[in-house]
Structures are given as C-alpha cells and as structure tokens.
Amino acid sequence: MASSTKVVVIFGILVLLQVSCTASEVRDLPAVMSVNGFENGEEGGPASCDGQYHNDDLFLVSMASKWYGTGLRCGKMISIKRLIGTSVQAMVVDDCGDGCGDNEISTSAAVWKALGIDTSAGEVPVLWSDV
C-alpha cells in the first residue's frame, strides 16, 4: 500500500509541474501576428473560451495551440508589442488551431489599428508577453 501511495504522490507532483510549466509567465516571445475576424459570419466559429462571437472593435487575440494550451490563458490579457516598441493589451478568447501557424497569434482589426499597422500587411512580426 505504501508503494502505491508513493506512486500517486509522484504522479501528483508531475501533474503540478506540468501545469506550472504550461502556465508559466511568458515575456517577449517572438510571434507572427495576422488579422482575424471574431464576429458571426467571419472566419471560423465562436471563440473557444466562451462559445461566443465578439466585436472586432475589441482588443482580442486567438493563439496558436501550443500557447493556448488547455485554455489556461482564456480571458487573460497579453501584451502585443511591435518590434519598434508600440504595444497594446488584448484578451485571449480563442485557440486558432489549424487556422494558425505554430508561432502565430491572430488578432482583431482593433489591435492592428492601435498598433498603427494596416491590416493589408497580412502578417507582421511581434513580441507578446503575459500581463
């Protein structure tokens, strides 16, 4: 019985370590930013975090699956910074799954406007951080 208790304790510690590593704070991680529509009738379905559509005038972000994880960043703010230094905060509302590249964040047009970037640029390099 003592042996199985040790196994359970070790397993519990490993789970906690995995969760803490996944949820660890990110600072200035390089990404490619693309534009995404979050309203009904635009690209894809409702947001993964809350099952709702959102207004494109809000500062919103959909993340590559490896950063979205199991939804640990849902509803949380991240900072998105242009390489020249202008930054804005946006709320994570979705996992862009197969719609994004491995190092991509896809944001609302409002984020692009706040950063002073024309959405016709398509994709731009940025840095993102947990807030």
Protein backbone atom coordinates (compact mmCIF):
# COMPACT_ATOMS: atom_id res chain seq x y z
CA MET A 1 0.00 0.00 0.00
CA ALA A 2 2.85 2.40 0.79
CA SER A 3 4.30 1.83 -2.67
CA SER A 4 1.05 2.81 -4.42
CA THR A 5 0.81 5.93 -2.21
CA LYS A 6 4.29 6.97 -3.35
CA VAL A 7 3.30 6.47 -6.98
CA VAL A 8 0.19 8.63 -6.51
CA VAL A 9 2.23 11.37 -4.80
CA ILE A 10 4.89 11.34 -7.53
CA PHE A 11 2.19 11.42 -10.22
CA GLY A 12 0.54 14.38 -8.47
CA ILE A 13 3.83 16.27 -8.35
CA LEU A 14 4.44 15.63 -12.04
CA VAL A 15 0.97 16.93 -12.92
CA LEU A 16 1.55 20.07 -10.87
CA LEU A 17 4.92 20.63 -12.54
CA GLN A 18 3.38 20.23 -15.98
CA VAL A 19 0.60 22.70 -15.19
CA SER A 20 3.01 25.23 -13.70
CA CYS A 21 5.33 24.99 -16.72
CA THR A 22 2.42 25.44 -19.13
CA ALA A 23 1.12 28.38 -17.16
CA SER A 24 4.49 29.98 -16.57
CA GLU A 25 4.72 33.63 -17.45
CA VAL A 26 5.90 34.45 -20.95
CA ARG A 27 7.96 37.58 -21.72
CA ASP A 28 8.73 38.99 -25.19
CA LEU A 29 8.11 35.79 -27.12
CA PRO A 30 8.51 36.29 -30.90
CA ALA A 31 5.39 35.61 -32.97
CA VAL A 32 3.80 36.37 -36.29
CA MET A 33 0.61 38.41 -36.00
CA SER A 34 -2.22 38.01 -38.50
CA VAL A 35 -5.67 39.59 -38.59
CA ASN A 36 -8.76 37.63 -37.56
CA GLY A 37 -12.48 38.32 -37.55
CA PHE A 38 -14.26 37.37 -34.33
CA GLU A 39 -17.81 38.31 -35.37
CA ASN A 40 -20.54 35.93 -36.50
CA GLY A 41 -20.19 35.20 -40.22
CA GLU A 42 -16.43 35.79 -40.25
CA GLU A 43 -13.60 33.23 -40.25
CA GLY A 44 -14.50 30.15 -38.18
CA GLY A 45 -16.95 29.67 -35.37
CA PRO A 46 -17.44 31.12 -31.92
CA ALA A 47 -14.48 31.64 -29.61
CA SER A 48 -13.17 28.55 -27.78
CA CYS A 49 -13.03 30.28 -24.39
CA ASP A 50 -16.68 31.20 -24.04
CA GLY A 51 -18.51 29.85 -27.11
CA GLN A 52 -19.45 33.41 -28.12
CA TYR A 53 -18.77 35.71 -31.05
CA HIS A 54 -17.06 39.02 -30.25
CA ASN A 55 -16.98 42.52 -31.71
CA ASP A 56 -13.94 43.22 -33.89
CA ASP A 57 -13.65 46.66 -32.26
CA LEU A 58 -12.41 44.96 -29.08
CA PHE A 59 -8.77 44.06 -28.44
CA LEU A 60 -8.92 40.28 -28.96
CA VAL A 61 -6.44 37.53 -29.73
CA SER A 62 -6.55 33.92 -30.85
CA MET A 63 -3.38 31.95 -30.13
CA ALA A 64 -1.52 29.02 -31.66
CA SER A 65 -2.48 25.82 -29.83
CA LYS A 66 0.91 25.45 -28.12
CA TRP A 67 0.40 28.80 -26.36
CA TYR A 68 -3.33 28.45 -25.82
CA GLY A 69 -2.78 25.05 -24.21
CA THR A 70 -5.85 23.77 -22.43
CA GLY A 71 -7.35 27.23 -22.13
CA LEU A 72 -5.17 28.45 -19.25
CA ARG A 73 -4.93 31.89 -20.91
CA CYS A 74 -8.68 32.17 -21.63
CA GLY A 75 -9.94 35.61 -20.65
CA LYS A 76 -6.44 36.74 -19.69
CA MET A 77 -4.67 39.73 -21.16
CA ILE A 78 -1.45 39.57 -23.11
CA SER A 79 0.71 42.44 -24.28
CA ILE A 80 1.47 42.57 -28.00
CA LYS A 81 4.44 44.72 -28.99
CA ARG A 82 5.69 45.80 -32.38
CA LEU A 83 9.40 45.38 -32.87
CA ILE A 84 9.70 49.18 -32.85
CA GLY A 85 8.15 49.30 -29.38
CA THR A 86 4.46 50.30 -29.64
CA SER A 87 2.32 47.90 -27.58
CA VAL A 88 -1.29 47.10 -26.77
CA GLN A 89 -3.02 44.64 -24.48
CA ALA A 90 -5.54 42.15 -25.86
CA MET A 91 -7.71 39.45 -24.29
CA VAL A 92 -7.21 35.79 -25.25
CA VAL A 93 -10.55 34.40 -26.44
CA ASP A 94 -9.68 31.57 -28.80
CA ASP A 95 -7.37 28.79 -29.91
CA CYS A 96 -6.77 29.27 -33.62
CA GLY A 97 -5.86 25.58 -34.01
CA ASP A 98 -5.30 24.60 -37.64
CA GLY A 99 -6.03 28.19 -38.74
CA CYS A 100 -2.71 29.45 -37.36
CA GLY A 101 0.92 28.68 -37.82
CA ASP A 102 2.92 27.26 -34.92
CA ASN A 103 4.20 30.70 -33.83
CA GLU A 104 1.18 32.79 -34.73
CA ILE A 105 -1.27 34.98 -32.89
CA SER A 106 -4.31 36.16 -34.78
CA THR A 107 -5.82 39.44 -33.57
CA SER A 108 -8.81 41.66 -34.18
CA ALA A 109 -8.56 44.66 -36.50
CA ALA A 110 -8.72 46.89 -33.40
CA VAL A 111 -5.33 45.57 -32.26
CA TRP A 112 -3.82 46.38 -35.65
CA LYS A 113 -5.29 49.88 -35.58
CA ALA A 114 -3.98 50.52 -32.04
CA LEU A 115 -0.51 49.41 -33.16
CA GLY A 116 -0.69 51.67 -36.21
CA ILE A 117 -0.49 48.80 -38.71
CA ASP A 118 -2.66 48.48 -41.82
CA THR A 119 -4.39 45.08 -41.89
CA SER A 120 -3.46 44.74 -45.57
CA ALA A 121 0.09 43.96 -44.38
CA GLY A 122 -1.20 40.41 -43.80
CA GLU A 123 1.35 39.23 -41.26
CA VAL A 124 3.85 41.14 -39.14
CA PRO A 125 6.48 40.09 -36.58
CA VAL A 126 5.62 40.98 -32.97
CA LEU A 127 6.58 40.09 -29.42
CA TRP A 128 3.97 39.01 -26.89
CA SER A 129 4.00 38.72 -23.10
CA ASP A 130 1.64 37.61 -20.39
CA VAL A 131 0.31 40.56 -18.39
